Amino acid sequence: MEYEICLEPSGVRFKADESQNIVEAAKAHHVAIKHGCASGSCGDCKGTILSGESEQGPFMPLLLLPTERAAGMAILCKLYPRSNLRLQAEVISGDVWNTEIVGLSKLAWNVLELRLRPEKPYPYRSGQYARMAVPGQENQWRSYSMATPPQDRDELVFHIRELPGGLFSRWLFYQAQCGDAITLGPPQGDFALQDNTRPLLCIAAGTGLAPIEAIIQESMHTGQTRPIHLFYGAKKQRDFYHLETLQQWAGQYAHFTFTPTISDGEDTQWKGARRLLPTVAANGHWQDHEVYLCGGPGMIEAAIDLLRSHDVPHAHIHFDSFAPNG
């Protein structure tokens, strides 16, 4: 059965089958509803139910706070209509930025640094991500976080891991060259440095380091000296990148502490810490910290459970889940 969906305040209307979530139905009707992962992991499609009946599917913990649930808010990529619905939801602009690849360099055996020069300023905040059109693949977009703060918008920097079968990453690793064009949509995401003076606890896994680095650099560039502790996890030693940069920051800034960890117990050459979250738990009490998490959904969920067990308030936990997207 089909139902009519009305988005406010734009007034955009489209039909949705009861088996389609709101984001899926909007995309099928070429409605540019704001969303990110489309898998219930990032929260960028958060909206409010104004009227009608619906069924909310499962999503990542903490995407909706109890007060937001009470106010009728929902995660639209996991919301299924059970009647006609009127929703408050953002329809993003159709603006695009044409960019040129100006740098491609290996950071690790399976991670590339991509540098893009946009034709006009790209108005993002540290921690946000860009949606990139996959060259040669109509209507295929992928999301990647900017790895540097926006003080210098002449170039945008990304850390991109090669994924088996990944449309964009395989093109980037094996075909892309400097001078090639990539189209970006508007910057998205609410993962950003908060305006307070609490010390920072940052936990990053893999290329989740990218937006964390941008947030840390922004804090440093503003002259703040509040303590920052970064825990950076990888599976094996060879999966790390930017270790020298992070160690340099630790030597340059007395308020910055850096702890790398690996999860592979068979790597006998590694003399440092092992297992990311147990290391976090063993290294401090985090109740008074502002926390930034970035990595895969499993790590994010486990980290949230750990932090809540340490009495870190919901409102002090911010995360960006690197879920596969399409």
C-alpha atoms as a PDB file:
ATOM      1  CA  MET A   1       0.000   0.000   0.000  1.00  0.00           C
ATOM      2  CA  GLU A   2       1.253   3.487  -0.862  1.00  0.00           C
ATOM      3  CA  TYR A   3       1.070   6.544   1.356  1.00  0.00           C
ATOM      4  CA  GLU A   4       1.677  10.235   0.697  1.00  0.00           C
ATOM      5  CA  ILE A   5       4.661  11.802   2.441  1.00  0.00           C
ATOM      6  CA  CYS A   6       4.779  15.572   2.885  1.00  0.00           C
ATOM      7  CA  LEU A   7       8.026  17.231   3.968  1.00  0.00           C
ATOM      8  CA  GLU A   8       7.910  20.523   5.834  1.00  0.00           C
ATOM      9  CA  PRO A   9       8.772  23.348   5.495  1.00  0.00           C
ATOM     10  CA  SER A  10       9.541  22.715   1.797  1.00  0.00           C
ATOM     11  CA  GLY A  11       6.084  21.288   1.016  1.00  0.00           C
ATOM     12  CA  VAL A  12       7.649  18.566  -1.149  1.00  0.00           C
ATOM     13  CA  ARG A  13       5.382  15.531  -1.554  1.00  0.00           C
ATOM     14  CA  PHE A  14       6.027  11.990  -2.786  1.00  0.00           C
ATOM     15  CA  LYS A  15       4.653   8.485  -2.414  1.00  0.00           C
ATOM     16  CA  ALA A  16       6.116   5.741  -0.233  1.00  0.00           C
ATOM     17  CA  ASP A  17       5.241   2.071  -0.091  1.00  0.00           C
ATOM     18  CA  GLU A  18       4.859   0.609   3.407  1.00  0.00           C
ATOM     19  CA  SER A  19       7.982  -1.497   2.768  1.00  0.00           C
ATOM     20  CA  GLN A  20      10.089   1.580   1.901  1.00  0.00           C
ATOM     21  CA  ASN A  21      11.762   3.766   4.477  1.00  0.00           C
ATOM     22  CA  ILE A  22      11.387   7.514   4.018  1.00  0.00           C
ATOM     23  CA  VAL A  23      14.908   8.123   2.689  1.00  0.00           C
ATOM     24  CA  GLU A  24      14.635   5.240   0.215  1.00  0.00           C
ATOM     25  CA  ALA A  25      11.279   6.502  -1.068  1.00  0.00           C
ATOM     26  CA  ALA A  26      12.532  10.098  -1.348  1.00  0.00           C
ATOM     27  CA  LYS A  27      15.550   8.999  -3.384  1.00  0.00           C
ATOM     28  CA  ALA A  28      13.301   6.908  -5.664  1.00  0.00           C
ATOM     29  CA  HIS A  29      11.330  10.087  -6.427  1.00  0.00           C
ATOM     30  CA  HIS A  30      14.501  12.191  -6.877  1.00  0.00           C
ATOM     31  CA  VAL A  31      13.838  14.195  -3.718  1.00  0.00           C
ATOM     32  CA  ALA A  32      17.144  15.378  -2.241  1.00  0.00           C
ATOM     33  CA  ILE A  33      16.281  14.628   1.388  1.00  0.00           C
ATOM     34  CA  LYS A  34      19.173  15.147   3.784  1.00  0.00           C
ATOM     35  CA  HIS A  35      20.804  11.813   4.681  1.00  0.00           C
ATOM     36  CA  GLY A  36      24.200  10.190   5.083  1.00  0.00           C
ATOM     37  CA  CYS A  37      24.810   6.470   5.495  1.00  0.00           C
ATOM     38  CA  ALA A  38      21.175   5.407   4.869  1.00  0.00           C
ATOM     39  CA  SER A  39      21.731   2.555   7.342  1.00  0.00           C
ATOM     40  CA  GLY A  40      20.759   4.063  10.693  1.00  0.00           C
ATOM     41  CA  SER A  41      24.337   4.758  11.769  1.00  0.00           C
ATOM     42  CA  CYS A  42      24.950   8.485  11.328  1.00  0.00           C
ATOM     43  CA  GLY A  43      21.761  10.378  12.204  1.00  0.00           C
ATOM     44  CA  ASP A  44      21.996  12.909   9.382  1.00  0.00           C
ATOM     45  CA  CYS A  45      18.447  12.055   8.291  1.00  0.00           C
ATOM     46  CA  LYS A  46      16.964  12.981  11.663  1.00  0.00           C
ATOM     47  CA  GLY A  47      13.488  14.501  11.324  1.00  0.00           C
ATOM     48  CA  THR A  48      10.276  15.066  13.271  1.00  0.00           C
ATOM     49  CA  ILE A  49       6.924  13.327  12.830  1.00  0.00           C
ATOM     50  CA  LEU A  50       4.275  16.063  12.673  1.00  0.00           C
ATOM     51  CA  SER A  51       1.302  13.803  11.937  1.00  0.00           C
ATOM     52  CA  GLY A  52       0.489  10.268  10.819  1.00  0.00           C
ATOM     53  CA  GLU A  53       1.397   6.736  11.821  1.00  0.00           C
ATOM     54  CA  SER A  54       4.779   5.086  11.258  1.00  0.00           C
ATOM     55  CA  GLU A  55       7.078   2.310  12.440  1.00  0.00           C
ATOM     56  CA  GLN A  56      10.619   3.109  13.589  1.00  0.00           C
ATOM     57  CA  GLY A  57      13.241   0.480  12.775  1.00  0.00           C
ATOM     58  CA  PRO A  58      16.478  -0.036  14.769  1.00  0.00           C
ATOM     59  CA  PHE A  59      19.310   2.488  14.617  1.00  0.00           C
ATOM     60  CA  MET A  60      22.595   3.327  16.333  1.00  0.00           C
ATOM     61  CA  PRO A  61      22.260   4.127  20.067  1.00  0.00           C
ATOM     62  CA  LEU A  62      22.346   7.816  21.050  1.00  0.00           C
ATOM     63  CA  LEU A  63      21.242   9.062  17.619  1.00  0.00           C
ATOM     64  CA  LEU A  64      18.097  10.172  19.406  1.00  0.00           C
ATOM     65  CA  LEU A  65      18.228  11.415  22.964  1.00  0.00           C
ATOM     66  CA  PRO A  66      15.228  10.694  25.236  1.00  0.00           C
ATOM     67  CA  THR A  67      14.098  14.323  24.919  1.00  0.00           C
ATOM     68  CA  GLU A  68      14.188  14.047  21.109  1.00  0.00           C
ATOM     69  CA  ARG A  69      12.153  10.847  21.130  1.00  0.00           C
ATOM     70  CA  ALA A  70       9.608  12.545  23.377  1.00  0.00           C
ATOM     71  CA  ALA A  71       9.409  15.419  20.874  1.00  0.00           C
ATOM     72  CA  GLY A  72       8.489  13.010  18.058  1.00  0.00           C
ATOM     73  CA  MET A  73      11.858  12.926  16.324  1.00  0.00           C
ATOM     74  CA  ALA A  74      12.794   9.935  14.180  1.00  0.00           C
ATOM     75  CA  ILE A  75      15.610   8.484  12.074  1.00  0.00           C
ATOM     76  CA  LEU A  76      14.088   8.680   8.617  1.00  0.00           C
ATOM     77  CA  CYS A  77      16.247   6.035   6.910  1.00  0.00           C
ATOM     78  CA  LYS A  78      14.696   3.551   9.359  1.00  0.00           C
ATOM     79  CA  LEU A  79      11.169   5.021   9.438  1.00  0.00           C
ATOM     80  CA  TYR A  80       8.387   3.165   7.579  1.00  0.00           C
ATOM     81  CA  PRO A  81       4.986   4.752   6.845  1.00  0.00           C
ATOM     82  CA  ARG A  82       1.810   3.165   8.156  1.00  0.00           C
ATOM     83  CA  SER A  83      -0.426   6.040   6.985  1.00  0.00           C
ATOM     84  CA  ASN A  84       0.004   9.341   5.181  1.00  0.00           C
ATOM     85  CA  LEU A  85       2.782  11.247   6.945  1.00  0.00           C
ATOM     86  CA  ARG A  86       3.706  14.871   7.452  1.00  0.00           C
ATOM     87  CA  LEU A  87       7.350  15.206   8.485  1.00  0.00           C
ATOM     88  CA  GLN A  88       9.693  18.027   9.306  1.00  0.00           C
ATOM     89  CA  ALA A  89      12.799  17.129   7.308  1.00  0.00           C
ATOM     90  CA  GLU A  90      15.516  18.980   5.463  1.00  0.00           C
ATOM     91  CA  VAL A  91      15.642  18.935   1.684  1.00  0.00           C
ATOM     92  CA  ILE A  92      19.206  19.803   0.726  1.00  0.00           C
ATOM     93  CA  SER A  93      20.094  22.239  -1.990  1.00  0.00           C
ATOM     94  CA  GLY A  94      21.013  21.045  -5.432  1.00  0.00           C
ATOM     95  CA  ASP A  95      24.263  23.007  -5.325  1.00  0.00           C
ATOM     96  CA  VAL A  96      27.355  21.178  -6.521  1.00  0.00           C
ATOM     97  CA  TRP A  97      31.041  21.998  -6.413  1.00  0.00           C
ATOM     98  CA  ASN A  98      33.257  21.056  -9.320  1.00  0.00           C
ATOM     99  CA  THR A  99      36.707  20.081  -8.088  1.00  0.00           C
ATOM    100  CA  GLU A 100      40.018  18.983  -9.558  1.00  0.00           C
ATOM    101  CA  ILE A 101      42.336  16.339  -8.129  1.00  0.00           C
ATOM    102  CA  VAL A 102      45.586  18.093  -7.222  1.00  0.00           C
ATOM    103  CA  GLY A 103      47.156  15.397  -5.051  1.00  0.00           C
ATOM    104  CA  LEU A 104      47.163  11.610  -4.651  1.00  0.00           C
ATOM    105  CA  SER A 105      49.594  10.047  -2.197  1.00  0.00           C
ATOM    106  CA  LYS A 106      49.812   6.798  -0.243  1.00  0.00           C
ATOM    107  CA  LEU A 107      49.376   7.096   3.523  1.00  0.00           C
ATOM    108  CA  ALA A 108      49.320   3.345   4.209  1.00  0.00           C
ATOM    109  CA  TRP A 109      49.239   0.208   2.070  1.00  0.00           C
ATOM    110  CA  ASN A 110      45.463   0.624   1.602  1.00  0.00           C
ATOM    111  CA  VAL A 111      44.870   4.323   2.356  1.00  0.00           C
ATOM    112  CA  LEU A 112      45.267   7.253  -0.038  1.00  0.00           C
ATOM    113  CA  GLU A 113      45.338  10.951   0.695  1.00  0.00           C
ATOM    114  CA  LEU A 114      43.133  12.731  -1.836  1.00  0.00           C
ATOM    115  CA  ARG A 115      43.520  16.478  -2.326  1.00  0.00           C
ATOM    116  CA  LEU A 116      40.859  18.389  -4.243  1.00  0.00           C
ATOM    117  CA  ARG A 117      40.797  22.020  -5.361  1.00  0.00           C
ATOM    118  CA  PRO A 118      37.215  23.327  -5.598  1.00  0.00           C
ATOM    119  CA  GLU A 119      36.313  25.972  -8.151  1.00  0.00           C
ATOM    120  CA  LYS A 120      34.630  28.021  -5.401  1.00  0.00           C
ATOM    121  CA  PRO A 121      34.963  28.015  -1.571  1.00  0.00           C
ATOM    122  CA  TYR A 122      33.522  24.927   0.112  1.00  0.00           C
ATOM    123  CA  PRO A 123      31.794  26.110   3.350  1.00  0.00           C
ATOM    124  CA  TYR A 124      32.319  23.199   5.738  1.00  0.00           C
ATOM    125  CA  ARG A 125      33.021  22.821   9.468  1.00  0.00           C
ATOM    126  CA  SER A 126      35.706  20.588  10.975  1.00  0.00           C
ATOM    127  CA  GLY A 127      34.241  17.084  11.364  1.00  0.00           C
ATOM    128  CA  GLN A 128      31.791  17.323   8.458  1.00  0.00           C
ATOM    129  CA  TYR A 129      31.865  15.181   5.324  1.00  0.00           C
ATOM    130  CA  ALA A 130      31.352  15.648   1.593  1.00  0.00           C
ATOM    131  CA  ARG A 131      29.320  13.476  -0.733  1.00  0.00           C
ATOM    132  CA  MET A 132      31.299  12.698  -3.903  1.00  0.00           C
ATOM    133  CA  ALA A 133      29.849  11.616  -7.214  1.00  0.00           C
ATOM    134  CA  VAL A 134      31.453   8.379  -8.432  1.00  0.00           C
ATOM    135  CA  PRO A 135      32.997   9.209 -11.831  1.00  0.00           C
ATOM    136  CA  GLY A 136      31.237   7.351 -14.643  1.00  0.00           C
ATOM    137  CA  GLN A 137      28.515   5.981 -12.322  1.00  0.00           C
ATOM    138  CA  GLU A 138      25.311   7.985 -12.656  1.00  0.00           C
ATOM    139  CA  ASN A 139      23.527   8.691  -9.352  1.00  0.00           C
ATOM    140  CA  GLN A 140      26.202   6.912  -7.270  1.00  0.00           C
ATOM    141  CA  TRP A 141      27.588   9.006  -4.420  1.00  0.00           C
ATOM    142  CA  ARG A 142      29.995   8.220  -1.591  1.00  0.00           C
ATOM    143  CA  SER A 143      30.686  10.106   1.651  1.00  0.00           C
ATOM    144  CA  TYR A 144      34.133  11.049   2.977  1.00  0.00           C
ATOM    145  CA  SER A 145      35.143  13.349   5.839  1.00  0.00           C
ATOM    146  CA  MET A 146      37.449  16.301   5.414  1.00  0.00           C
ATOM    147  CA  ALA A 147      40.732  15.684   7.270  1.00  0.00           C
ATOM    148  CA  THR A 148      41.771  19.298   7.802  1.00  0.00           C
ATOM    149  CA  PRO A 149      39.955  22.315   9.262  1.00  0.00           C
ATOM    150  CA  PRO A 150      38.480  24.910   6.893  1.00  0.00           C
ATOM    151  CA  GLN A 151      40.968  27.716   7.560  1.00  0.00           C
ATOM    152  CA  ASP A 152      42.424  27.115   4.095  1.00  0.00           C
ATOM    153  CA  ARG A 153      39.658  26.199   1.671  1.00  0.00           C
ATOM    154  CA  ASP A 154      41.860  26.268  -1.427  1.00  0.00           C
ATOM    155  CA  GLU A 155      42.288  22.511  -1.011  1.00  0.00           C
ATOM    156  CA  LEU A 156      40.149  19.801   0.576  1.00  0.00           C
ATOM    157  CA  VAL A 157      41.950  16.796   2.082  1.00  0.00           C
ATOM    158  CA  PHE A 158      40.504  13.276   2.495  1.00  0.00           C
ATOM    159  CA  HIS A 159      41.847   9.919   3.753  1.00  0.00           C
ATOM    160  CA  ILE A 160      40.299   7.138   1.686  1.00  0.00           C
ATOM    161  CA  ARG A 161      40.656   3.419   2.334  1.00  0.00           C
ATOM    162  CA  GLU A 162      40.410   0.937  -0.524  1.00  0.00           C
ATOM    163  CA  LEU A 163      37.362  -1.278  -0.093  1.00  0.00           C
ATOM    164  CA  PRO A 164      37.012  -4.606  -1.941  1.00  0.00           C
ATOM    165  CA  GLY A 165      34.617  -3.927  -4.794  1.00  0.00           C
ATOM    166  CA  GLY A 166      34.228  -0.278  -3.802  1.00  0.00           C
ATOM    167  CA  LEU A 167      33.133   1.754  -6.841  1.00  0.00           C
ATOM    168  CA  PHE A 168      34.808   4.975  -5.779  1.00  0.00           C
ATOM    169  CA  SER A 169      37.848   3.680  -3.906  1.00  0.00           C
ATOM    170  CA  ARG A 170      38.876   1.283  -6.685  1.00  0.00           C
ATOM    171  CA  TRP A 171      38.540   4.049  -9.272  1.00  0.00           C
ATOM    172  CA  LEU A 172      40.633   6.313  -7.064  1.00  0.00           C
ATOM    173  CA  PHE A 173      43.366   3.720  -6.434  1.00  0.00           C
ATOM    174  CA  TYR A 174      43.700   2.345  -9.980  1.00  0.00           C
ATOM    175  CA  GLN A 175      42.425   4.934 -12.460  1.00  0.00           C
ATOM    176  CA  ALA A 176      42.366   8.446 -11.006  1.00  0.00           C
ATOM    177  CA  GLN A 177      45.045  10.961 -11.923  1.00  0.00           C
ATOM    178  CA  CYS A 178      45.818  14.536 -10.973  1.00  0.00           C
ATOM    179  CA  GLY A 179      43.673  16.804 -13.128  1.00  0.00           C
ATOM    180  CA  ASP A 180      40.630  14.508 -13.051  1.00  0.00           C
ATOM    181  CA  ALA A 181      37.330  16.093 -12.030  1.00  0.00           C
ATOM    182  CA  ILE A 182      35.170  15.086  -9.045  1.00  0.00           C
ATOM    183  CA  THR A 183      31.778  16.615  -8.223  1.00  0.00           C
ATOM    184  CA  LEU A 184      30.858  17.299  -4.589  1.00  0.00           C
ATOM    185  CA  GLY A 185      27.481  17.913  -3.005  1.00  0.00           C
ATOM    186  CA  PRO A 186      27.002  20.309  -0.049  1.00  0.00           C
ATOM    187  CA  PRO A 187      28.897  19.545   3.185  1.00  0.00           C
ATOM    188  CA  GLN A 188      26.900  17.462   5.656  1.00  0.00           C
ATOM    189  CA  GLY A 189      26.989  16.156   9.209  1.00  0.00           C
ATOM    190  CA  ASP A 190      26.667  17.495  12.763  1.00  0.00           C
ATOM    191  CA  PHE A 191      29.951  15.972  14.002  1.00  0.00           C
ATOM    192  CA  ALA A 192      31.866  19.118  14.956  1.00  0.00           C
ATOM    193  CA  LEU A 193      33.937  20.734  17.685  1.00  0.00           C
ATOM    194  CA  GLN A 194      31.688  21.959  20.504  1.00  0.00           C
ATOM    195  CA  ASP A 195      31.997  25.474  21.886  1.00  0.00           C
ATOM    196  CA  ASN A 196      33.074  24.743  25.466  1.00  0.00           C
ATOM    197  CA  THR A 197      36.254  24.345  27.487  1.00  0.00           C
ATOM    198  CA  ARG A 198      35.948  20.690  28.559  1.00  0.00           C
ATOM    199  CA  PRO A 199      38.997  18.475  27.893  1.00  0.00           C
ATOM    200  CA  LEU A 200      38.710  16.328  24.776  1.00  0.00           C
ATOM    201  CA  LEU A 201      38.722  12.547  24.569  1.00  0.00           C
ATOM    202  CA  CYS A 202      39.082  11.457  20.935  1.00  0.00           C
ATOM    203  CA  ILE A 203      38.787   7.827  19.836  1.00  0.00           C
ATOM    204  CA  ALA A 204      39.472   6.954  16.192  1.00  0.00           C
ATOM    205  CA  ALA A 205      39.726   3.663  14.335  1.00  0.00           C
ATOM    206  CA  GLY A 206      41.154   3.352  10.826  1.00  0.00           C
ATOM    207  CA  THR A 207      40.311   6.280   8.552  1.00  0.00           C
ATOM    208  CA  GLY A 208      38.018   7.532  11.293  1.00  0.00           C
ATOM    209  CA  LEU A 209      41.167   9.487  12.098  1.00  0.00           C
ATOM    210  CA  ALA A 210      40.337  11.986   9.306  1.00  0.00           C
ATOM    211  CA  PRO A 211      37.569  14.085  10.938  1.00  0.00           C
ATOM    212  CA  ILE A 212      39.174  13.623  14.365  1.00  0.00           C
ATOM    213  CA  GLU A 213      42.379  15.207  13.037  1.00  0.00           C
ATOM    214  CA  ALA A 214      40.354  18.119  11.649  1.00  0.00           C
ATOM    215  CA  ILE A 215      38.651  18.681  15.011  1.00  0.00           C
ATOM    216  CA  ILE A 216      41.944  18.478  16.939  1.00  0.00           C
ATOM    217  CA  GLN A 217      43.659  20.891  14.549  1.00  0.00           C
ATOM    218  CA  GLU A 218      40.798  23.366  14.841  1.00  0.00           C
ATOM    219  CA  SER A 219      41.108  23.291  18.643  1.00  0.00           C
ATOM    220  CA  MET A 220      44.864  23.870  18.359  1.00  0.00           C
ATOM    221  CA  HIS A 221      44.499  26.657  15.784  1.00  0.00           C
ATOM    222  CA  THR A 222      42.182  28.596  18.099  1.00  0.00           C
ATOM    223  CA  GLY A 223      44.918  28.657  20.734  1.00  0.00           C
ATOM    224  CA  GLN A 224      43.022  26.511  23.234  1.00  0.00           C
ATOM    225  CA  THR A 225      45.174  24.558  25.668  1.00  0.00           C
ATOM    226  CA  ARG A 226      42.552  22.256  27.141  1.00  0.00           C
ATOM    227  CA  PRO A 227      43.854  18.666  27.425  1.00  0.00           C
ATOM    228  CA  ILE A 228      43.334  16.444  24.374  1.00  0.00           C
ATOM    229  CA  HIS A 229      43.854  12.679  24.537  1.00  0.00           C
ATOM    230  CA  LEU A 230      43.661  10.779  21.250  1.00  0.00           C
ATOM    231  CA  PHE A 231      43.381   6.995  21.183  1.00  0.00           C
ATOM    232  CA  TYR A 232      43.981   5.666  17.652  1.00  0.00           C
ATOM    233  CA  GLY A 233      43.279   2.025  16.843  1.00  0.00           C
ATOM    234  CA  ALA A 234      44.293  -0.196  13.936  1.00  0.00           C
ATOM    235  CA  LYS A 235      44.224  -3.932  13.343  1.00  0.00           C
ATOM    236  CA  LYS A 236      47.921  -4.293  12.491  1.00  0.00           C
ATOM    237  CA  GLN A 237      50.945  -2.044  12.683  1.00  0.00           C
ATOM    238  CA  ARG A 238      51.038  -1.644   8.922  1.00  0.00           C
ATOM    239  CA  ASP A 239      47.480  -0.227   8.974  1.00  0.00           C
ATOM    240  CA  PHE A 240      48.548   2.929  10.841  1.00  0.00           C
ATOM    241  CA  TYR A 241      49.203   6.177   9.062  1.00  0.00           C
ATOM    242  CA  HIS A 242      50.186   9.678  10.246  1.00  0.00           C
ATOM    243  CA  LEU A 243      51.960   8.250  13.305  1.00  0.00           C
ATOM    244  CA  GLU A 244      54.872  10.635  12.779  1.00  0.00           C
ATOM    245  CA  THR A 245      52.487  13.596  12.480  1.00  0.00           C
ATOM    246  CA  LEU A 246      50.659  12.648  15.675  1.00  0.00           C
ATOM    247  CA  GLN A 247      53.920  12.072  17.539  1.00  0.00           C
ATOM    248  CA  GLN A 248      55.102  15.486  16.330  1.00  0.00           C
ATOM    249  CA  TRP A 249      51.939  17.081  17.715  1.00  0.00           C
ATOM    250  CA  ALA A 250      52.542  15.336  21.052  1.00  0.00           C
ATOM    251  CA  GLY A 251      56.035  16.833  21.171  1.00  0.00           C
ATOM    252  CA  GLN A 252      54.877  20.276  20.073  1.00  0.00           C
ATOM    253  CA  TYR A 253      51.780  20.650  22.265  1.00  0.00           C
ATOM    254  CA  ALA A 254      52.073  19.830  25.968  1.00  0.00           C
ATOM    255  CA  HIS A 255      48.294  19.436  26.261  1.00  0.00           C
ATOM    256  CA  PHE A 256      48.079  16.767  23.520  1.00  0.00           C
ATOM    257  CA  THR A 257      48.511  13.066  24.392  1.00  0.00           C
ATOM    258  CA  PHE A 258      48.483  10.298  21.795  1.00  0.00           C
ATOM    259  CA  THR A 259      48.052   6.555  22.360  1.00  0.00           C
ATOM    260  CA  PRO A 260      48.121   4.168  19.360  1.00  0.00           C
ATOM    261  CA  THR A 261      46.757   0.636  19.805  1.00  0.00           C
ATOM    262  CA  ILE A 262      46.514  -2.497  17.671  1.00  0.00           C
ATOM    263  CA  SER A 263      44.036  -5.370  17.951  1.00  0.00           C
ATOM    264  CA  ASP A 264      46.133  -8.119  16.327  1.00  0.00           C
ATOM    265  CA  GLY A 265      47.537 -10.267  19.142  1.00  0.00           C
ATOM    266  CA  GLU A 266      49.910 -12.073  16.761  1.00  0.00           C
ATOM    267  CA  ASP A 267      51.927  -8.947  15.891  1.00  0.00           C
ATOM    268  CA  THR A 268      54.909  -9.626  18.174  1.00  0.00           C
ATOM    269  CA  GLN A 269      56.869  -6.635  16.841  1.00  0.00           C
ATOM    270  CA  TRP A 270      54.418  -4.169  18.371  1.00  0.00           C
ATOM    271  CA  LYS A 271      55.558  -2.902  21.775  1.00  0.00           C
ATOM    272  CA  GLY A 272      52.718  -0.469  22.379  1.00  0.00           C
ATOM    273  CA  ALA A 273      49.160  -0.773  23.733  1.00  0.00           C
ATOM    274  CA  ARG A 274      46.731  -3.388  22.460  1.00  0.00           C
ATOM    275  CA  ARG A 275      42.940  -3.321  22.110  1.00  0.00           C
ATOM    276  CA  LEU A 276      41.526   0.156  21.653  1.00  0.00           C
ATOM    277  CA  LEU A 277      38.609   0.379  24.088  1.00  0.00           C
ATOM    278  CA  PRO A 278      40.162  -1.555  27.019  1.00  0.00           C
ATOM    279  CA  THR A 279      43.116   0.839  26.703  1.00  0.00           C
ATOM    280  CA  VAL A 280      40.731   3.818  26.870  1.00  0.00           C
ATOM    281  CA  ALA A 281      39.047   2.328  29.958  1.00  0.00           C
ATOM    282  CA  ALA A 282      42.384   1.762  31.696  1.00  0.00           C
ATOM    283  CA  ASN A 283      43.735   5.257  31.102  1.00  0.00           C
ATOM    284  CA  GLY A 284      41.389   7.597  32.861  1.00  0.00           C
ATOM    285  CA  HIS A 285      38.042   8.717  34.167  1.00  0.00           C
ATOM    286  CA  TRP A 286      36.224  10.507  31.389  1.00  0.00           C
ATOM    287  CA  GLN A 287      33.096  11.959  33.035  1.00  0.00           C
ATOM    288  CA  ASP A 288      34.205  15.584  32.585  1.00  0.00           C
ATOM    289  CA  HIS A 289      35.380  15.178  28.966  1.00  0.00           C
ATOM    290  CA  GLU A 290      33.805  16.085  25.644  1.00  0.00           C
ATOM    291  CA  VAL A 291      34.085  12.861  23.624  1.00  0.00           C
ATOM    292  CA  TYR A 292      34.523  12.438  19.855  1.00  0.00           C
ATOM    293  CA  LEU A 293      34.262   8.967  18.315  1.00  0.00           C
ATOM    294  CA  CYS A 294      34.852   7.967  14.716  1.00  0.00           C
ATOM    295  CA  GLY A 295      35.104   4.493  13.177  1.00  0.00           C
ATOM    296  CA  GLY A 296      32.955   1.516  12.275  1.00  0.00           C
ATOM    297  CA  PRO A 297      29.480   1.000  13.794  1.00  0.00           C
ATOM    298  CA  GLY A 298      30.660  -1.862  16.037  1.00  0.00           C
ATOM    299  CA  MET A 299      33.407   0.238  17.600  1.00  0.00           C
ATOM    300  CA  ILE A 300      31.056   3.189  18.050  1.00  0.00           C
ATOM    301  CA  GLU A 301      28.400   1.124  19.822  1.00  0.00           C
ATOM    302  CA  ALA A 302      30.961  -0.532  22.116  1.00  0.00           C
ATOM    303  CA  ALA A 303      32.572   2.841  22.889  1.00  0.00           C
ATOM    304  CA  ILE A 304      29.212   4.377  23.779  1.00  0.00           C
ATOM    305  CA  ASP A 305      28.484   1.471  26.141  1.00  0.00           C
ATOM    306  CA  LEU A 306      31.904   1.945  27.768  1.00  0.00           C
ATOM    307  CA  LEU A 307      31.493   5.699  28.153  1.00  0.00           C
ATOM    308  CA  ARG A 308      27.993   5.434  29.597  1.00  0.00           C
ATOM    309  CA  SER A 309      29.341   2.901  32.126  1.00  0.00           C
ATOM    310  CA  HIS A 310      31.870   5.592  33.082  1.00  0.00           C
ATOM    311  CA  ASP A 311      28.995   8.050  33.644  1.00  0.00           C
ATOM    312  CA  VAL A 312      29.806  10.238  30.638  1.00  0.00           C
ATOM    313  CA  PRO A 313      26.594  12.215  29.896  1.00  0.00           C
ATOM    314  CA  HIS A 314      24.760  11.566  26.621  1.00  0.00           C
ATOM    315  CA  ALA A 315      25.165  15.184  25.614  1.00  0.00           C
ATOM    316  CA  HIS A 316      28.982  14.982  25.855  1.00  0.00           C
ATOM    317  CA  ILE A 317      29.302  12.094  23.363  1.00  0.00           C
ATOM    318  CA  HIS A 318      29.601  12.925  19.660  1.00  0.00           C
ATOM    319  CA  PHE A 319      30.218  10.353  16.954  1.00  0.00           C
ATOM    320  CA  ASP A 320      30.515   9.765  13.248  1.00  0.00           C
ATOM    321  CA  SER A 321      29.961   6.158  12.211  1.00  0.00           C
ATOM    322  CA  PHE A 322      31.809   5.088   9.070  1.00  0.00           C
ATOM    323  CA  ALA A 323      29.148   2.736   7.729  1.00  0.00           C
ATOM    324  CA  PRO A 324      29.250   1.474   4.136  1.00  0.00           C
ATOM    325  CA  ASN A 325      27.119   3.763   1.990  1.00  0.00           C
ATOM    326  CA  GLY A 326      25.676   3.896  -1.442  1.00  0.00           C
END
